[in-house]
Amino acid sequence: MYRGTFTALVTPFLADGSIDEPAFRKLVDFQFENGITGIVPVGTTGESPTLSYDEHKHVVRLAVECARGRGPVIGGTGANSTDEAIELTASAEAAGCEAVLQVAPYYNKPSAEGLFQHFKAVADSTKCKIILYSVPGRCGIDIPVEVTVRLAAACPNVVSLKEAGGSVERVNQLMAAVPEGFTILSGDDSLTLPFMSVGATGVISVAGNLIPRQMSDLVNAALANDLPAARALHLKYYPLLSTLMKLDSNPVPIKAAMALAGHMQGGLRLPMIAMSTQKIEELRAVMAGLNVL
């Protein structure tokens, strides 16, 4: 169902902390002008934890408006409260999203059955396609393979999973278990090619904010089974993909990179703070080496 490169959009902020709508509009245009399949507003990269409900819903509506039908908009509407996830999903559906991204409930760490009931309640509440999001490093739990399989069988609109657990073996397990047509998307840019080598069909990308054409070319080459081309792009841009994840918590490095490249101011909201000058210079050096400044 979902194949290609989907950018997890950053949310640009002005110096006063308000949302920089002109920069956001330019960012969406930049994505589609450079081959991105679709966009994912207000996920972790979009700083959803620090947006108010009204801001969250507004950014999703703005993303749909700016996309102008050029590709799917997948609203980040997950939450650790089922009622909240349903409310945000209803708003995204009303705004025109064709799909929503549903992260595993964080902090409260439900059981496997609790996860199943949570996601099923969200899926039953909407006509939107559901992309599950397993990121144990942020949530404290993953979405078990057996829960994913049960959801795919019980809910026709649960069609994909974003896997950010860092394990190729888990992708192997998922591919062996999920029904035909259910797709796996990488949640880590640097693991996109390894994951696709065992059956994943693309990526929900952080780096796509900065290098949408390059990430699209990598994924398209892998989908076309052109391993030499995909591997060459992976190896070339791996230093950047790795640096964006190791310097600080996402989205701090990608917002710094976007500011260095002149796309936006790069402001953050507490508790996220800017990187040190030393780390910014390290990032600048990597970007300069790849001519993406």
C-alpha atoms as a PDB file:
ATOM      1  CA  MET A   1       0.000   0.000   0.000  1.00  0.00           C
ATOM      2  CA  TYR A   2       2.720   2.500   0.947  1.00  0.00           C
ATOM      3  CA  ARG A   3       5.935   2.475  -1.082  1.00  0.00           C
ATOM      4  CA  GLY A   4       8.475   5.241  -1.529  1.00  0.00           C
ATOM      5  CA  THR A   5       9.921   8.125   0.458  1.00  0.00           C
ATOM      6  CA  PHE A   6       7.772   9.995   2.953  1.00  0.00           C
ATOM      7  CA  THR A   7       9.299  12.943   4.782  1.00  0.00           C
ATOM      8  CA  ALA A   8       8.604  13.376   8.492  1.00  0.00           C
ATOM      9  CA  LEU A   9       8.334  17.147   8.326  1.00  0.00           C
ATOM     10  CA  VAL A  10       9.924  19.476  10.851  1.00  0.00           C
ATOM     11  CA  THR A  11       7.717  22.265  12.201  1.00  0.00           C
ATOM     12  CA  PRO A  12       9.522  25.586  11.660  1.00  0.00           C
ATOM     13  CA  PHE A  13       9.341  28.131  14.481  1.00  0.00           C
ATOM     14  CA  LEU A  14       9.981  31.857  14.495  1.00  0.00           C
ATOM     15  CA  ALA A  15      12.154  33.545  17.117  1.00  0.00           C
ATOM     16  CA  ASP A  16       9.102  34.157  19.308  1.00  0.00           C
ATOM     17  CA  GLY A  17       8.220  30.454  19.266  1.00  0.00           C
ATOM     18  CA  SER A  18       5.238  30.748  16.922  1.00  0.00           C
ATOM     19  CA  ILE A  19       4.875  28.513  13.864  1.00  0.00           C
ATOM     20  CA  ASP A  20       6.646  29.889  10.785  1.00  0.00           C
ATOM     21  CA  GLU A  21       3.943  29.217   8.200  1.00  0.00           C
ATOM     22  CA  PRO A  22       5.790  30.706   5.180  1.00  0.00           C
ATOM     23  CA  ALA A  23       8.783  28.444   5.889  1.00  0.00           C
ATOM     24  CA  PHE A  24       6.464  25.450   6.290  1.00  0.00           C
ATOM     25  CA  ARG A  25       4.810  26.165   2.945  1.00  0.00           C
ATOM     26  CA  LYS A  26       8.189  26.434   1.246  1.00  0.00           C
ATOM     27  CA  LEU A  27       9.272  23.192   2.887  1.00  0.00           C
ATOM     28  CA  VAL A  28       6.273  21.295   1.512  1.00  0.00           C
ATOM     29  CA  ASP A  29       6.914  22.679  -1.986  1.00  0.00           C
ATOM     30  CA  PHE A  30      10.597  21.727  -1.676  1.00  0.00           C
ATOM     31  CA  GLN A  31       9.582  18.152  -0.895  1.00  0.00           C
ATOM     32  CA  PHE A  32       7.271  17.605  -3.826  1.00  0.00           C
ATOM     33  CA  GLU A  33       9.516  19.472  -6.250  1.00  0.00           C
ATOM     34  CA  ASN A  34      12.245  16.973  -5.375  1.00  0.00           C
ATOM     35  CA  GLY A  35      10.427  13.701  -5.820  1.00  0.00           C
ATOM     36  CA  ILE A  36       9.125  12.904  -2.349  1.00  0.00           C
ATOM     37  CA  THR A  37       6.219  10.436  -2.417  1.00  0.00           C
ATOM     38  CA  GLY A  38       4.340  11.997   0.504  1.00  0.00           C
ATOM     39  CA  ILE A  39       4.676  13.980   3.707  1.00  0.00           C
ATOM     40  CA  VAL A  40       4.130  13.242   7.394  1.00  0.00           C
ATOM     41  CA  PRO A  41       3.370  16.343   9.466  1.00  0.00           C
ATOM     42  CA  VAL A  42       3.387  16.490  13.275  1.00  0.00           C
ATOM     43  CA  GLY A  43       5.244  13.343  14.128  1.00  0.00           C
ATOM     44  CA  THR A  44       8.192  13.268  16.516  1.00  0.00           C
ATOM     45  CA  THR A  45      10.254  15.214  13.984  1.00  0.00           C
ATOM     46  CA  GLY A  46       7.476  17.804  13.855  1.00  0.00           C
ATOM     47  CA  GLU A  47       7.759  18.279  17.638  1.00  0.00           C
ATOM     48  CA  SER A  48       4.243  17.076  18.325  1.00  0.00           C
ATOM     49  CA  PRO A  49       4.866  16.870  22.111  1.00  0.00           C
ATOM     50  CA  THR A  50       5.295  20.650  22.323  1.00  0.00           C
ATOM     51  CA  LEU A  51       2.429  21.678  20.046  1.00  0.00           C
ATOM     52  CA  SER A  52      -0.951  22.488  21.521  1.00  0.00           C
ATOM     53  CA  TYR A  53      -3.994  20.564  20.288  1.00  0.00           C
ATOM     54  CA  ASP A  54      -5.043  23.531  18.173  1.00  0.00           C
ATOM     55  CA  GLU A  55      -1.551  23.922  16.700  1.00  0.00           C
ATOM     56  CA  HIS A  56      -1.335  20.190  16.016  1.00  0.00           C
ATOM     57  CA  LYS A  57      -4.594  20.210  14.075  1.00  0.00           C
ATOM     58  CA  HIS A  58      -3.669  23.439  12.295  1.00  0.00           C
ATOM     59  CA  VAL A  59      -0.330  22.103  11.044  1.00  0.00           C
ATOM     60  CA  VAL A  60      -2.018  18.992   9.646  1.00  0.00           C
ATOM     61  CA  ARG A  61      -4.602  21.147   7.844  1.00  0.00           C
ATOM     62  CA  LEU A  62      -1.821  23.377   6.542  1.00  0.00           C
ATOM     63  CA  ALA A  63       0.103  20.369   5.235  1.00  0.00           C
ATOM     64  CA  VAL A  64      -2.934  19.130   3.301  1.00  0.00           C
ATOM     65  CA  GLU A  65      -3.527  22.608   1.913  1.00  0.00           C
ATOM     66  CA  CYS A  66       0.106  23.002   0.833  1.00  0.00           C
ATOM     67  CA  ALA A  67       0.357  19.502  -0.660  1.00  0.00           C
ATOM     68  CA  ARG A  68      -2.413  20.346  -3.136  1.00  0.00           C
ATOM     69  CA  GLY A  69      -2.927  16.697  -4.007  1.00  0.00           C
ATOM     70  CA  ARG A  70       0.672  16.144  -5.128  1.00  0.00           C
ATOM     71  CA  GLY A  71       1.066  13.188  -2.790  1.00  0.00           C
ATOM     72  CA  PRO A  72      -0.398  11.580   0.304  1.00  0.00           C
ATOM     73  CA  VAL A  73      -0.433  13.455   3.593  1.00  0.00           C
ATOM     74  CA  ILE A  74      -0.026  11.118   6.554  1.00  0.00           C
ATOM     75  CA  GLY A  75      -0.987  12.961   9.719  1.00  0.00           C
ATOM     76  CA  GLY A  76       0.835  12.151  12.912  1.00  0.00           C
ATOM     77  CA  THR A  77      -2.087  11.512  15.248  1.00  0.00           C
ATOM     78  CA  GLY A  78      -0.778   8.945  17.704  1.00  0.00           C
ATOM     79  CA  ALA A  79      -1.035   9.408  21.452  1.00  0.00           C
ATOM     80  CA  ASN A  80      -0.781   7.460  24.695  1.00  0.00           C
ATOM     81  CA  SER A  81      -4.477   8.149  25.303  1.00  0.00           C
ATOM     82  CA  THR A  82      -6.809   6.301  22.977  1.00  0.00           C
ATOM     83  CA  ASP A  83      -9.430   9.047  23.145  1.00  0.00           C
ATOM     84  CA  GLU A  84      -6.820  11.648  22.223  1.00  0.00           C
ATOM     85  CA  ALA A  85      -5.580   9.565  19.289  1.00  0.00           C
ATOM     86  CA  ILE A  86      -9.149   9.172  18.038  1.00  0.00           C
ATOM     87  CA  GLU A  87      -9.804  12.917  18.343  1.00  0.00           C
ATOM     88  CA  LEU A  88      -6.630  13.860  16.471  1.00  0.00           C
ATOM     89  CA  THR A  89      -7.332  11.222  13.822  1.00  0.00           C
ATOM     90  CA  ALA A  90     -10.859  12.564  13.255  1.00  0.00           C
ATOM     91  CA  SER A  91      -9.416  16.035  12.770  1.00  0.00           C
ATOM     92  CA  ALA A  92      -6.814  14.749  10.305  1.00  0.00           C
ATOM     93  CA  GLU A  93      -9.460  12.853   8.349  1.00  0.00           C
ATOM     94  CA  ALA A  94     -11.638  15.977   8.183  1.00  0.00           C
ATOM     95  CA  ALA A  95      -8.618  17.955   6.966  1.00  0.00           C
ATOM     96  CA  GLY A  96      -8.134  15.554   4.048  1.00  0.00           C
ATOM     97  CA  CYS A  97      -5.380  13.178   5.201  1.00  0.00           C
ATOM     98  CA  GLU A  98      -5.559   9.823   3.461  1.00  0.00           C
ATOM     99  CA  ALA A  99      -3.622   8.105   6.245  1.00  0.00           C
ATOM    100  CA  VAL A 100      -2.448   8.641   9.813  1.00  0.00           C
ATOM    101  CA  LEU A 101       0.655   7.532  11.687  1.00  0.00           C
ATOM    102  CA  GLN A 102      -0.094   5.801  15.001  1.00  0.00           C
ATOM    103  CA  VAL A 103       2.780   5.494  17.445  1.00  0.00           C
ATOM    104  CA  ALA A 104       2.728   2.918  20.233  1.00  0.00           C
ATOM    105  CA  PRO A 105       1.368   4.506  23.408  1.00  0.00           C
ATOM    106  CA  TYR A 106       4.350   5.892  25.293  1.00  0.00           C
ATOM    107  CA  TYR A 107       5.024   6.079  29.034  1.00  0.00           C
ATOM    108  CA  ASN A 108       2.013   4.010  30.148  1.00  0.00           C
ATOM    109  CA  LYS A 109       3.436   0.866  28.414  1.00  0.00           C
ATOM    110  CA  PRO A 110       0.280  -1.179  27.712  1.00  0.00           C
ATOM    111  CA  SER A 111       0.284  -4.956  27.368  1.00  0.00           C
ATOM    112  CA  ALA A 112       0.139  -6.641  23.968  1.00  0.00           C
ATOM    113  CA  GLU A 113      -3.648  -6.939  24.300  1.00  0.00           C
ATOM    114  CA  GLY A 114      -3.855  -3.294  25.360  1.00  0.00           C
ATOM    115  CA  LEU A 115      -1.909  -2.308  22.246  1.00  0.00           C
ATOM    116  CA  PHE A 116      -4.251  -4.341  20.060  1.00  0.00           C
ATOM    117  CA  GLN A 117      -7.363  -2.801  21.600  1.00  0.00           C
ATOM    118  CA  HIS A 118      -5.886   0.722  21.377  1.00  0.00           C
ATOM    119  CA  PHE A 119      -5.010   0.517  17.698  1.00  0.00           C
ATOM    120  CA  LYS A 120      -8.221  -1.302  16.824  1.00  0.00           C
ATOM    121  CA  ALA A 121     -10.287   1.444  18.476  1.00  0.00           C
ATOM    122  CA  VAL A 122      -8.450   4.093  16.447  1.00  0.00           C
ATOM    123  CA  ALA A 123      -8.781   2.102  13.217  1.00  0.00           C
ATOM    124  CA  ASP A 124     -12.478   1.487  13.789  1.00  0.00           C
ATOM    125  CA  SER A 125     -13.046   5.209  14.298  1.00  0.00           C
ATOM    126  CA  THR A 126     -11.812   6.332  10.872  1.00  0.00           C
ATOM    127  CA  LYS A 127     -11.750   5.667   7.145  1.00  0.00           C
ATOM    128  CA  CYS A 128      -8.114   6.779   7.011  1.00  0.00           C
ATOM    129  CA  LYS A 129      -5.435   4.206   6.361  1.00  0.00           C
ATOM    130  CA  ILE A 130      -3.432   3.415   9.493  1.00  0.00           C
ATOM    131  CA  ILE A 131       0.367   3.197   9.551  1.00  0.00           C
ATOM    132  CA  LEU A 132       1.538   1.742  12.855  1.00  0.00           C
ATOM    133  CA  TYR A 133       4.737   3.177  14.321  1.00  0.00           C
ATOM    134  CA  SER A 134       7.021   1.041  16.458  1.00  0.00           C
ATOM    135  CA  VAL A 135       9.822   3.058  18.098  1.00  0.00           C
ATOM    136  CA  PRO A 136      10.792   1.369  21.380  1.00  0.00           C
ATOM    137  CA  GLY A 137      13.589   3.847  22.064  1.00  0.00           C
ATOM    138  CA  ARG A 138      10.983   6.559  22.584  1.00  0.00           C
ATOM    139  CA  CYS A 139       7.989   4.558  23.776  1.00  0.00           C
ATOM    140  CA  GLY A 140       9.566   1.964  26.041  1.00  0.00           C
ATOM    141  CA  ILE A 141       7.787  -0.816  24.116  1.00  0.00           C
ATOM    142  CA  ASP A 142       7.629  -2.070  20.559  1.00  0.00           C
ATOM    143  CA  ILE A 143       4.562  -3.274  18.670  1.00  0.00           C
ATOM    144  CA  PRO A 144       4.916  -7.069  18.737  1.00  0.00           C
ATOM    145  CA  VAL A 145       4.879  -8.937  15.447  1.00  0.00           C
ATOM    146  CA  GLU A 146       1.833 -10.955  16.537  1.00  0.00           C
ATOM    147  CA  VAL A 147      -0.092  -7.758  17.403  1.00  0.00           C
ATOM    148  CA  THR A 148       0.751  -6.314  13.989  1.00  0.00           C
ATOM    149  CA  VAL A 149      -0.534  -9.470  12.292  1.00  0.00           C
ATOM    150  CA  ARG A 150      -3.748  -9.462  14.357  1.00  0.00           C
ATOM    151  CA  LEU A 151      -4.410  -5.819  13.511  1.00  0.00           C
ATOM    152  CA  ALA A 152      -3.819  -6.384   9.801  1.00  0.00           C
ATOM    153  CA  ALA A 153      -6.369  -9.209   9.893  1.00  0.00           C
ATOM    154  CA  ALA A 154      -8.957  -7.433  12.057  1.00  0.00           C
ATOM    155  CA  CYS A 155      -8.745  -3.938  10.536  1.00  0.00           C
ATOM    156  CA  PRO A 156      -8.687  -3.578   6.729  1.00  0.00           C
ATOM    157  CA  ASN A 157      -7.392  -0.025   7.050  1.00  0.00           C
ATOM    158  CA  VAL A 158      -4.280  -1.042   9.033  1.00  0.00           C
ATOM    159  CA  VAL A 159      -1.958  -1.343   6.069  1.00  0.00           C
ATOM    160  CA  SER A 160       1.623  -0.553   7.033  1.00  0.00           C
ATOM    161  CA  LEU A 161       4.146  -0.251   9.851  1.00  0.00           C
ATOM    162  CA  LYS A 162       6.989   2.212  10.377  1.00  0.00           C
ATOM    163  CA  GLU A 163       9.774   0.215  11.984  1.00  0.00           C
ATOM    164  CA  ALA A 164      12.272   2.201  14.059  1.00  0.00           C
ATOM    165  CA  GLY A 165      13.650  -0.489  16.322  1.00  0.00           C
ATOM    166  CA  GLY A 166      16.976  -0.700  14.529  1.00  0.00           C
ATOM    167  CA  SER A 167      16.813  -4.445  13.800  1.00  0.00           C
ATOM    168  CA  VAL A 168      16.953  -6.065  10.376  1.00  0.00           C
ATOM    169  CA  GLU A 169      16.031  -9.342  12.061  1.00  0.00           C
ATOM    170  CA  ARG A 170      12.743  -7.844  13.240  1.00  0.00           C
ATOM    171  CA  VAL A 171      11.980  -6.753   9.676  1.00  0.00           C
ATOM    172  CA  ASN A 172      12.654 -10.341   8.604  1.00  0.00           C
ATOM    173  CA  GLN A 173      10.174 -11.549  11.215  1.00  0.00           C
ATOM    174  CA  LEU A 174       7.563  -9.024  10.133  1.00  0.00           C
ATOM    175  CA  MET A 175       7.938  -9.838   6.444  1.00  0.00           C
ATOM    176  CA  ALA A 176       7.480 -13.524   7.187  1.00  0.00           C
ATOM    177  CA  ALA A 177       4.288 -12.893   9.152  1.00  0.00           C
ATOM    178  CA  VAL A 178       2.318  -9.976   7.697  1.00  0.00           C
ATOM    179  CA  PRO A 179      -0.245 -10.545   4.927  1.00  0.00           C
ATOM    180  CA  GLU A 180       0.468  -9.769   1.301  1.00  0.00           C
ATOM    181  CA  GLY A 181       0.087  -6.076   0.589  1.00  0.00           C
ATOM    182  CA  PHE A 182       0.984  -4.973   4.116  1.00  0.00           C
ATOM    183  CA  THR A 183       4.138  -2.881   3.868  1.00  0.00           C
ATOM    184  CA  ILE A 184       7.054  -2.112   6.170  1.00  0.00           C
ATOM    185  CA  LEU A 185       8.679   1.324   6.066  1.00  0.00           C
ATOM    186  CA  SER A 186      12.016   2.113   7.645  1.00  0.00           C
ATOM    187  CA  GLY A 187      11.936   4.599  10.485  1.00  0.00           C
ATOM    188  CA  ASP A 188      15.713   5.144  10.397  1.00  0.00           C
ATOM    189  CA  ASP A 189      17.314   6.778   7.365  1.00  0.00           C
ATOM    190  CA  SER A 190      20.619   4.952   7.756  1.00  0.00           C
ATOM    191  CA  LEU A 191      18.813   1.581   7.824  1.00  0.00           C
ATOM    192  CA  THR A 192      16.621   2.217   4.788  1.00  0.00           C
ATOM    193  CA  LEU A 193      18.689   0.138   2.380  1.00  0.00           C
ATOM    194  CA  PRO A 194      19.322  -2.744   4.827  1.00  0.00           C
ATOM    195  CA  PHE A 195      15.607  -2.883   5.630  1.00  0.00           C
ATOM    196  CA  MET A 196      14.621  -2.725   1.956  1.00  0.00           C
ATOM    197  CA  SER A 197      17.045  -5.543   1.164  1.00  0.00           C
ATOM    198  CA  VAL A 198      14.779  -7.891   3.155  1.00  0.00           C
ATOM    199  CA  GLY A 199      11.436  -6.530   1.989  1.00  0.00           C
ATOM    200  CA  ALA A 200      10.693  -3.038   3.318  1.00  0.00           C
ATOM    201  CA  THR A 201       9.225  -0.741   0.681  1.00  0.00           C
ATOM    202  CA  GLY A 202      10.585   2.668   1.650  1.00  0.00           C
ATOM    203  CA  VAL A 203      11.204   5.089   4.476  1.00  0.00           C
ATOM    204  CA  ILE A 204       9.566   7.743   6.605  1.00  0.00           C
ATOM    205  CA  SER A 205      12.572  10.005   6.532  1.00  0.00           C
ATOM    206  CA  VAL A 206      14.065  12.703   8.743  1.00  0.00           C
ATOM    207  CA  ALA A 207      16.876  13.493   6.303  1.00  0.00           C
ATOM    208  CA  GLY A 208      14.276  13.969   3.572  1.00  0.00           C
ATOM    209  CA  ASN A 209      13.653  17.433   4.969  1.00  0.00           C
ATOM    210  CA  LEU A 210      17.152  18.416   3.807  1.00  0.00           C
ATOM    211  CA  ILE A 211      17.908  15.998   0.949  1.00  0.00           C
ATOM    212  CA  PRO A 212      14.564  14.881  -0.478  1.00  0.00           C
ATOM    213  CA  ARG A 213      15.906  14.190  -3.978  1.00  0.00           C
ATOM    214  CA  GLN A 214      18.757  12.039  -2.729  1.00  0.00           C
ATOM    215  CA  MET A 215      16.552  10.000  -0.393  1.00  0.00           C
ATOM    216  CA  SER A 216      13.967   9.549  -3.131  1.00  0.00           C
ATOM    217  CA  ASP A 217      16.637   8.407  -5.584  1.00  0.00           C
ATOM    218  CA  LEU A 218      17.992   5.899  -3.058  1.00  0.00           C
ATOM    219  CA  VAL A 219      14.573   4.392  -2.372  1.00  0.00           C
ATOM    220  CA  ASN A 220      13.558   4.364  -6.032  1.00  0.00           C
ATOM    221  CA  ALA A 221      16.774   2.571  -6.952  1.00  0.00           C
ATOM    222  CA  ALA A 222      16.157  -0.036  -4.255  1.00  0.00           C
ATOM    223  CA  LEU A 223      12.545  -0.515  -5.383  1.00  0.00           C
ATOM    224  CA  ALA A 224      13.822  -1.037  -8.937  1.00  0.00           C
ATOM    225  CA  ASN A 225      16.300  -3.651  -7.648  1.00  0.00           C
ATOM    226  CA  ASP A 226      19.200  -1.457  -8.799  1.00  0.00           C
ATOM    227  CA  LEU A 227      21.420  -2.407  -5.871  1.00  0.00           C
ATOM    228  CA  PRO A 228      24.621  -0.749  -7.143  1.00  0.00           C
ATOM    229  CA  ALA A 229      22.898   2.635  -7.486  1.00  0.00           C
ATOM    230  CA  ALA A 230      21.118   2.315  -4.151  1.00  0.00           C
ATOM    231  CA  ARG A 231      24.284   1.217  -2.387  1.00  0.00           C
ATOM    232  CA  ALA A 232      26.309   4.077  -3.885  1.00  0.00           C
ATOM    233  CA  LEU A 233      23.782   6.634  -2.604  1.00  0.00           C
ATOM    234  CA  HIS A 234      23.601   4.930   0.788  1.00  0.00           C
ATOM    235  CA  LEU A 235      27.372   4.976   1.211  1.00  0.00           C
ATOM    236  CA  LYS A 236      27.707   8.546  -0.029  1.00  0.00           C
ATOM    237  CA  TYR A 237      25.114  10.001   2.319  1.00  0.00           C
ATOM    238  CA  TYR A 238      25.604   7.675   5.273  1.00  0.00           C
ATOM    239  CA  PRO A 239      27.874  10.165   7.086  1.00  0.00           C
ATOM    240  CA  LEU A 240      25.044  12.723   7.037  1.00  0.00           C
ATOM    241  CA  LEU A 241      22.317  10.213   7.929  1.00  0.00           C
ATOM    242  CA  SER A 242      24.380   8.968  10.850  1.00  0.00           C
ATOM    243  CA  THR A 243      25.354  12.455  12.029  1.00  0.00           C
ATOM    244  CA  LEU A 244      21.741  13.639  12.069  1.00  0.00           C
ATOM    245  CA  MET A 245      20.896  10.879  14.524  1.00  0.00           C
ATOM    246  CA  LYS A 246      23.988  10.780  16.765  1.00  0.00           C
ATOM    247  CA  LEU A 247      24.632  14.467  17.507  1.00  0.00           C
ATOM    248  CA  ASP A 248      21.504  15.013  19.587  1.00  0.00           C
ATOM    249  CA  SER A 249      17.899  13.878  19.963  1.00  0.00           C
ATOM    250  CA  ASN A 250      15.748  14.207  16.861  1.00  0.00           C
ATOM    251  CA  PRO A 251      14.710  16.818  15.673  1.00  0.00           C
ATOM    252  CA  VAL A 252      17.502  19.004  17.065  1.00  0.00           C
ATOM    253  CA  PRO A 253      20.156  18.089  14.442  1.00  0.00           C
ATOM    254  CA  ILE A 254      17.838  18.194  11.412  1.00  0.00           C
ATOM    255  CA  LYS A 255      16.504  21.608  12.429  1.00  0.00           C
ATOM    256  CA  ALA A 256      20.086  22.841  12.793  1.00  0.00           C
ATOM    257  CA  ALA A 257      20.858  21.430   9.347  1.00  0.00           C
ATOM    258  CA  MET A 258      17.815  23.119   7.829  1.00  0.00           C
ATOM    259  CA  ALA A 259      18.928  26.429   9.346  1.00  0.00           C
ATOM    260  CA  LEU A 260      22.479  25.983   8.034  1.00  0.00           C
ATOM    261  CA  ALA A 261      21.047  25.312   4.566  1.00  0.00           C
ATOM    262  CA  GLY A 262      18.898  28.448   4.747  1.00  0.00           C
ATOM    263  CA  HIS A 263      15.504  26.764   4.746  1.00  0.00           C
ATOM    264  CA  MET A 264      14.290  28.146   8.085  1.00  0.00           C
ATOM    265  CA  GLN A 265      15.395  29.658  11.375  1.00  0.00           C
ATOM    266  CA  GLY A 266      15.715  26.317  13.135  1.00  0.00           C
ATOM    267  CA  GLY A 267      14.134  27.334  16.444  1.00  0.00           C
ATOM    268  CA  LEU A 268      13.043  24.737  19.005  1.00  0.00           C
ATOM    269  CA  ARG A 269      10.644  24.636  21.926  1.00  0.00           C
ATOM    270  CA  LEU A 270      11.670  23.565  25.394  1.00  0.00           C
ATOM    271  CA  PRO A 271      12.607  21.038  26.551  1.00  0.00           C
ATOM    272  CA  MET A 272      14.535  20.740  23.265  1.00  0.00           C
ATOM    273  CA  ILE A 273      17.445  23.169  23.025  1.00  0.00           C
ATOM    274  CA  ALA A 274      19.991  24.059  20.344  1.00  0.00           C
ATOM    275  CA  MET A 275      23.176  22.058  19.931  1.00  0.00           C
ATOM    276  CA  SER A 276      26.526  23.357  21.079  1.00  0.00           C
ATOM    277  CA  THR A 277      28.683  25.363  18.669  1.00  0.00           C
ATOM    278  CA  GLN A 278      31.064  22.405  18.443  1.00  0.00           C
ATOM    279  CA  LYS A 279      28.300  20.042  17.327  1.00  0.00           C
ATOM    280  CA  ILE A 280      26.943  22.582  14.841  1.00  0.00           C
ATOM    281  CA  GLU A 281      30.390  22.906  13.292  1.00  0.00           C
ATOM    282  CA  GLU A 282      30.652  19.118  13.078  1.00  0.00           C
ATOM    283  CA  LEU A 283      27.332  19.047  11.250  1.00  0.00           C
ATOM    284  CA  ARG A 284      28.382  21.920   8.994  1.00  0.00           C
ATOM    285  CA  ALA A 285      31.538  20.046   7.988  1.00  0.00           C
ATOM    286  CA  VAL A 286      29.590  16.917   7.028  1.00  0.00           C
ATOM    287  CA  MET A 287      27.078  18.974   5.033  1.00  0.00           C
ATOM    288  CA  ALA A 288      29.845  20.908   3.285  1.00  0.00           C
ATOM    289  CA  GLY A 289      31.553  17.673   2.304  1.00  0.00           C
ATOM    290  CA  LEU A 290      28.349  16.582   0.568  1.00  0.00           C
ATOM    291  CA  ASN A 291      27.557  19.994  -0.975  1.00  0.00           C
ATOM    292  CA  VAL A 292      24.229  20.287   0.785  1.00  0.00           C
ATOM    293  CA  LEU A 293      24.874  23.629   2.479  1.00  0.00           C
END
